[in-house]
């Protein structure tokens, strides 16, 4: 069965676990992962509206 339909795929956890890789890949000092529905997220370019399951919106500053 499709992982998205069963809600087994925790995309936030996957991205949190990949922080060290992403820091190295993008040369970033800090990476913060938010879900689309988090009210306190930092999203000045409104990228969250573009995210889809398995296609996260990424904002690099």
C-alpha atoms as a PDB file:
ATOM      1  CA  UNK A   1       0.000   0.000   0.000  1.00  0.00           C
ATOM      2  CA  UNK A   2       1.098   3.563  -0.678  1.00  0.00           C
ATOM      3  CA  UNK A   3       3.024   5.072   2.274  1.00  0.00           C
ATOM      4  CA  UNK A   4       1.330   8.444   1.817  1.00  0.00           C
ATOM      5  CA  UNK A   5      -2.118   6.909   2.130  1.00  0.00           C
ATOM      6  CA  UNK A   6      -1.196   5.065   5.318  1.00  0.00           C
ATOM      7  CA  UNK A   7       0.447   8.137   6.908  1.00  0.00           C
ATOM      8  CA  UNK A   8       3.543   6.068   7.679  1.00  0.00           C
ATOM      9  CA  UNK A   9       5.891   8.441   5.868  1.00  0.00           C
ATOM     10  CA  UNK A  10       6.986  11.166   8.304  1.00  0.00           C
ATOM     11  CA  UNK A  11       8.582  13.707   5.984  1.00  0.00           C
ATOM     12  CA  UNK A  12       9.496  16.117   8.778  1.00  0.00           C
ATOM     13  CA  UNK A  13      11.398  13.392  10.628  1.00  0.00           C
ATOM     14  CA  UNK A  14      13.197  12.389   7.426  1.00  0.00           C
ATOM     15  CA  UNK A  15      14.317  15.971   6.782  1.00  0.00           C
ATOM     16  CA  UNK A  16      15.304  16.467  10.438  1.00  0.00           C
ATOM     17  CA  UNK A  17      17.479  13.348  10.187  1.00  0.00           C
ATOM     18  CA  UNK A  18      19.071  14.679   6.982  1.00  0.00           C
ATOM     19  CA  UNK A  19      20.096  18.053   8.463  1.00  0.00           C
ATOM     20  CA  UNK A  20      23.829  17.335   8.558  1.00  0.00           C
ATOM     21  CA  UNK A  21      23.762  16.189   4.922  1.00  0.00           C
ATOM     22  CA  UNK A  22      21.733  19.241   3.873  1.00  0.00           C
ATOM     23  CA  UNK A  23      24.047  21.605   5.780  1.00  0.00           C
ATOM     24  CA  UNK A  24      27.032  20.191   3.913  1.00  0.00           C
ATOM     25  CA  UNK A  25      25.246  20.106   0.551  1.00  0.00           C
ATOM     26  CA  UNK A  26      24.021  23.722   0.728  1.00  0.00           C
ATOM     27  CA  UNK A  27      26.848  25.166   2.840  1.00  0.00           C
ATOM     28  CA  UNK A  28      24.302  26.200   5.455  1.00  0.00           C
ATOM     29  CA  UNK A  29      25.034  26.952   9.088  1.00  0.00           C
ATOM     30  CA  UNK A  30      21.506  26.302  10.269  1.00  0.00           C
ATOM     31  CA  UNK A  31      18.578  24.328   8.910  1.00  0.00           C
ATOM     32  CA  UNK A  32      15.100  24.488  10.376  1.00  0.00           C
ATOM     33  CA  UNK A  33      12.328  22.158   9.255  1.00  0.00           C
ATOM     34  CA  UNK A  34       8.692  23.215   9.521  1.00  0.00           C
ATOM     35  CA  UNK A  35       5.477  21.540   8.502  1.00  0.00           C
ATOM     36  CA  UNK A  36       3.063  23.462   6.302  1.00  0.00           C
ATOM     37  CA  UNK A  37       0.524  23.841   9.098  1.00  0.00           C
ATOM     38  CA  UNK A  38       2.922  25.225  11.739  1.00  0.00           C
ATOM     39  CA  UNK A  39       1.812  28.792  12.434  1.00  0.00           C
ATOM     40  CA  UNK A  40       5.235  29.847  13.763  1.00  0.00           C
ATOM     41  CA  UNK A  41       7.141  28.833  10.636  1.00  0.00           C
ATOM     42  CA  UNK A  42       9.506  31.297   8.957  1.00  0.00           C
ATOM     43  CA  UNK A  43       8.317  31.450   5.351  1.00  0.00           C
ATOM     44  CA  UNK A  44       8.920  34.937   3.854  1.00  0.00           C
ATOM     45  CA  UNK A  45       8.571  33.684   0.251  1.00  0.00           C
ATOM     46  CA  UNK A  46       5.399  31.661   1.053  1.00  0.00           C
ATOM     47  CA  UNK A  47       7.020  28.453  -0.181  1.00  0.00           C
ATOM     48  CA  UNK A  48       4.860  26.247   2.064  1.00  0.00           C
ATOM     49  CA  UNK A  49       1.938  26.791  -0.296  1.00  0.00           C
ATOM     50  CA  UNK A  50       3.975  25.093  -3.048  1.00  0.00           C
ATOM     51  CA  UNK A  51       4.786  21.963  -1.053  1.00  0.00           C
ATOM     52  CA  UNK A  52       3.197  18.628  -1.887  1.00  0.00           C
ATOM     53  CA  UNK A  53       3.536  15.151  -0.385  1.00  0.00           C
ATOM     54  CA  UNK A  54       7.099  13.936  -1.060  1.00  0.00           C
ATOM     55  CA  UNK A  55       7.949  17.347  -2.584  1.00  0.00           C
ATOM     56  CA  UNK A  56       8.927  19.700   0.228  1.00  0.00           C
ATOM     57  CA  UNK A  57       9.183  23.421  -0.309  1.00  0.00           C
ATOM     58  CA  UNK A  58      12.709  24.606   0.440  1.00  0.00           C
ATOM     59  CA  UNK A  59      13.664  28.175   1.242  1.00  0.00           C
ATOM     60  CA  UNK A  60      17.382  29.013   1.326  1.00  0.00           C
ATOM     61  CA  UNK A  61      18.558  32.312   2.736  1.00  0.00           C
END
